[in-house]
């Protein structure tokens, strides 16, 4: 995928190339278990490294909406999936490097159509104006040979970073609404709650 300056995507998804097996990829674990857990706004913010104001604005403008449960009026809580949190962190990185909002919207739309194992394997490259999807080192090298300055986001690294962050934070089971306590050794209150159950 190549995102042009007018916010449209050109080209097609490159086929996944590489010798890594699915089981060794981020996100290749229990997909069903990951789909049964949601994360409230403050947790998503903490894991993605964004402010609640950014999260709220991105949800209201449709940039990154919660796929588990949107907010319906005052008092309802948005619930984000693991994949949503990964996308939030990618959006933050793209914005920090000056990528236009139009190109970010195109990239987010593309990421939402890819299978989780494909997302975890790709690298997003950007020259400041255009966002490219690369799934092999050859594609990265071809972009670099163009002679322009580019930066890359290895989505698998972001995936693992979010996975690590969320493992220390609280989630919510979708079927029961039960709060899942993350493993944070410094969280004394969470340890007490766990012992009380």
Protein backbone atom coordinates (compact mmCIF):
# COMPACT_ATOMS: atom_id res chain seq x y z
CA UNK A 1 0.00 0.00 0.00
CA UNK A 2 1.21 3.46 -0.83
CA UNK A 3 -0.73 6.36 0.58
CA UNK A 4 -0.67 9.41 -1.69
CA UNK A 5 -0.91 12.99 -0.55
CA UNK A 6 -4.64 13.16 -1.34
CA UNK A 7 -5.45 10.41 1.18
CA UNK A 8 -5.99 7.60 -1.30
CA UNK A 9 -4.18 4.30 -1.29
CA UNK A 10 -2.34 3.17 -4.39
CA UNK A 11 -1.12 -0.34 -5.10
CA UNK A 12 -2.00 -3.50 -3.31
CA UNK A 13 -0.98 -5.27 -0.17
CA UNK A 14 2.38 -6.91 -0.76
CA UNK A 15 2.40 -10.67 -0.20
CA UNK A 16 3.97 -11.73 3.06
CA UNK A 17 7.51 -12.90 2.47
CA UNK A 18 9.85 -14.39 5.01
CA UNK A 19 10.80 -17.55 6.77
CA UNK A 20 9.19 -16.88 10.14
CA UNK A 21 6.46 -19.31 11.03
CA UNK A 22 3.10 -18.01 12.23
CA UNK A 23 3.65 -19.37 15.71
CA UNK A 24 6.73 -17.20 16.21
CA UNK A 25 4.99 -13.99 15.21
CA UNK A 26 3.50 -11.49 17.63
CA UNK A 27 -0.21 -12.01 17.96
CA UNK A 28 -0.01 -15.62 16.89
CA UNK A 29 -1.02 -16.87 20.31
CA UNK A 30 -4.57 -17.45 21.46
CA UNK A 31 -6.44 -15.07 19.14
CA UNK A 32 -9.77 -16.08 20.70
CA UNK A 33 -8.57 -15.11 24.19
CA UNK A 34 -7.35 -11.74 22.94
CA UNK A 35 -10.70 -11.12 21.28
CA UNK A 36 -12.55 -11.74 24.56
CA UNK A 37 -10.77 -8.90 26.38
CA UNK A 38 -11.38 -5.18 26.05
CA UNK A 39 -9.57 -2.19 27.49
CA UNK A 40 -11.12 1.00 28.81
CA UNK A 41 -9.93 4.40 27.64
CA UNK A 42 -7.43 5.14 30.42
CA UNK A 43 -5.83 1.71 29.98
CA UNK A 44 -5.63 2.15 26.19
CA UNK A 45 -4.02 5.57 26.74
CA UNK A 46 -1.42 4.19 29.13
CA UNK A 47 -0.52 1.31 26.81
CA UNK A 48 -0.35 3.49 23.67
CA UNK A 49 1.41 6.46 25.28
CA UNK A 50 -1.28 9.01 24.43
CA UNK A 51 -3.44 11.39 26.42
CA UNK A 52 -7.11 10.81 27.09
CA UNK A 53 -7.83 14.01 25.18
CA UNK A 54 -6.15 12.55 22.07
CA UNK A 55 -8.05 9.27 22.50
CA UNK A 56 -11.36 11.07 22.82
CA UNK A 57 -10.69 13.32 19.81
CA UNK A 58 -9.58 10.43 17.61
CA UNK A 59 -12.69 8.44 18.55
CA UNK A 60 -15.06 11.39 17.94
CA UNK A 61 -13.48 12.18 14.56
CA UNK A 62 -13.45 8.52 13.47
CA UNK A 63 -9.65 8.23 13.22
CA UNK A 64 -9.45 5.31 15.66
CA UNK A 65 -12.78 4.18 17.01
CA UNK A 66 -13.13 1.48 19.66
CA UNK A 67 -14.05 -1.77 17.92
CA UNK A 68 -15.37 -3.50 21.04
CA UNK A 69 -17.78 -0.91 22.44
CA UNK A 70 -18.22 2.72 21.40
CA UNK A 71 -19.44 5.34 23.87
CA UNK A 72 -23.16 6.02 23.70
CA UNK A 73 -23.76 9.22 25.61
CA UNK A 74 -22.64 10.35 29.01
CA UNK A 75 -21.52 7.69 31.46
CA UNK A 76 -20.78 4.89 29.00
CA UNK A 77 -17.25 3.58 28.67
CA UNK A 78 -15.51 2.96 25.36
CA UNK A 79 -13.86 -0.43 25.16
CA UNK A 80 -10.86 -0.96 22.87
CA UNK A 81 -9.49 -4.22 21.53
CA UNK A 82 -5.80 -5.14 21.64
CA UNK A 83 -5.53 -4.34 17.93
CA UNK A 84 -7.14 -0.92 18.49
CA UNK A 85 -4.44 -0.12 21.06
CA UNK A 86 -1.70 -1.14 18.60
CA UNK A 87 -3.23 1.18 16.00
CA UNK A 88 -3.42 4.00 18.56
CA UNK A 89 0.31 3.65 19.25
CA UNK A 90 1.10 3.61 15.51
CA UNK A 91 -1.01 6.74 14.95
CA UNK A 92 0.86 8.48 17.76
CA UNK A 93 4.21 7.62 16.20
CA UNK A 94 3.10 8.77 12.74
CA UNK A 95 1.77 12.07 14.13
CA UNK A 96 4.98 12.63 16.11
CA UNK A 97 6.99 12.41 12.89
CA UNK A 98 4.81 14.88 11.00
CA UNK A 99 2.76 12.59 8.76
CA UNK A 100 -0.41 14.29 7.54
CA UNK A 101 -3.70 13.30 9.12
CA UNK A 102 -5.06 12.38 5.70
CA UNK A 103 -2.25 9.86 5.13
CA UNK A 104 -2.65 8.52 8.66
CA UNK A 105 -6.36 7.92 8.01
CA UNK A 106 -5.45 5.95 4.88
CA UNK A 107 -2.88 3.89 6.80
CA UNK A 108 -5.36 3.20 9.63
CA UNK A 109 -7.98 2.11 7.11
CA UNK A 110 -5.48 -0.25 5.52
CA UNK A 111 -4.37 -1.69 8.87
CA UNK A 112 -7.98 -2.44 9.78
CA UNK A 113 -8.39 -4.63 6.69
CA UNK A 114 -5.25 -6.73 7.26
CA UNK A 115 -5.20 -10.03 9.13
CA UNK A 116 -3.54 -9.78 12.58
CA UNK A 117 -0.60 -11.98 11.57
CA UNK A 118 0.02 -9.75 8.53
CA UNK A 119 -0.12 -6.58 10.61
CA UNK A 120 2.42 -7.97 13.06
CA UNK A 121 4.86 -8.73 10.21
CA UNK A 122 4.75 -5.44 8.34
CA UNK A 123 6.91 -2.35 8.52
CA UNK A 124 5.39 1.04 7.82
CA UNK A 125 7.81 3.39 6.10
CA UNK A 126 7.24 7.09 5.64
CA UNK A 127 9.09 9.85 3.87
CA UNK A 128 7.10 12.53 5.69
CA UNK A 129 4.43 12.78 3.01
CA UNK A 130 3.70 9.22 1.96
CA UNK A 131 3.20 6.05 4.01
CA UNK A 132 4.31 2.71 2.55
CA UNK A 133 3.72 -0.84 3.71
CA UNK A 134 6.75 -3.10 3.47
CA UNK A 135 6.63 -6.81 4.24
CA UNK A 136 10.17 -7.70 3.23
CA UNK A 137 13.65 -6.28 3.59
CA UNK A 138 13.84 -5.98 -0.21
CA UNK A 139 10.94 -3.52 -0.17
CA UNK A 140 12.59 -1.49 2.60
CA UNK A 141 15.86 -1.40 0.66
CA UNK A 142 14.05 -0.24 -2.51
CA UNK A 143 12.56 2.69 -0.60
CA UNK A 144 15.93 3.60 0.88
CA UNK A 145 17.58 3.46 -2.55
CA UNK A 146 15.35 6.35 -3.60
CA UNK A 147 17.74 8.65 -1.76
CA UNK A 148 15.13 10.39 0.35
CA UNK A 149 14.96 10.39 4.10
CA UNK A 150 12.53 7.83 5.46
CA UNK A 151 11.66 6.44 8.85
CA UNK A 152 10.12 3.11 9.66
CA UNK A 153 7.79 1.63 12.23
CA UNK A 154 8.25 -2.10 12.74
CA UNK A 155 4.68 -2.99 13.63
CA UNK A 156 5.76 -6.25 15.29
CA UNK A 157 7.85 -4.27 17.77
CA UNK A 158 4.91 -1.98 18.51
CA UNK A 159 2.72 -5.09 18.87
CA UNK A 160 5.07 -6.62 21.47
CA UNK A 161 5.42 -3.29 23.29
CA UNK A 162 1.63 -2.93 23.59
CA UNK A 163 1.36 -6.59 24.64
CA UNK A 164 3.88 -5.98 27.41
CA UNK A 165 2.19 -2.74 28.53
CA UNK A 166 -1.28 -4.29 28.60
CA UNK A 167 -0.07 -7.30 30.58
CA UNK A 168 0.61 -4.88 33.43
CA UNK A 169 -2.74 -3.08 33.16
CA UNK A 170 -6.36 -4.01 33.76
CA UNK A 171 -8.60 -5.44 31.07
CA UNK A 172 -12.24 -6.44 30.97
CA UNK A 173 -13.71 -9.77 29.93
CA UNK A 174 -16.35 -9.19 27.30
CA UNK A 175 -18.54 -12.14 28.23
CA UNK A 176 -18.78 -11.45 31.98
CA UNK A 177 -17.61 -7.86 32.42
CA UNK A 178 -15.10 -9.12 35.00
CA UNK A 179 -12.04 -6.93 35.52
CA UNK A 180 -8.81 -8.75 34.72
CA UNK A 181 -5.96 -7.60 36.90
CA UNK A 182 -2.69 -7.03 35.09
CA UNK A 183 0.60 -8.19 36.57
CA UNK A 184 2.16 -5.04 37.95
CA UNK A 185 4.50 -5.86 40.84
CA UNK A 186 4.26 -2.31 42.22
CA UNK A 187 0.44 -2.30 42.32
CA UNK A 188 -0.32 -3.16 45.94
CA UNK A 189 -4.07 -2.56 45.58
CA UNK A 190 -4.31 -5.05 42.71
CA UNK A 191 -2.43 -7.67 44.76
CA UNK A 192 -4.86 -7.19 47.63
CA UNK A 193 -7.86 -7.56 45.33
CA UNK A 194 -6.41 -10.74 43.87
CA UNK A 195 -5.86 -12.21 47.35
CA UNK A 196 -9.41 -11.29 48.40
CA UNK A 197 -10.97 -13.26 45.55
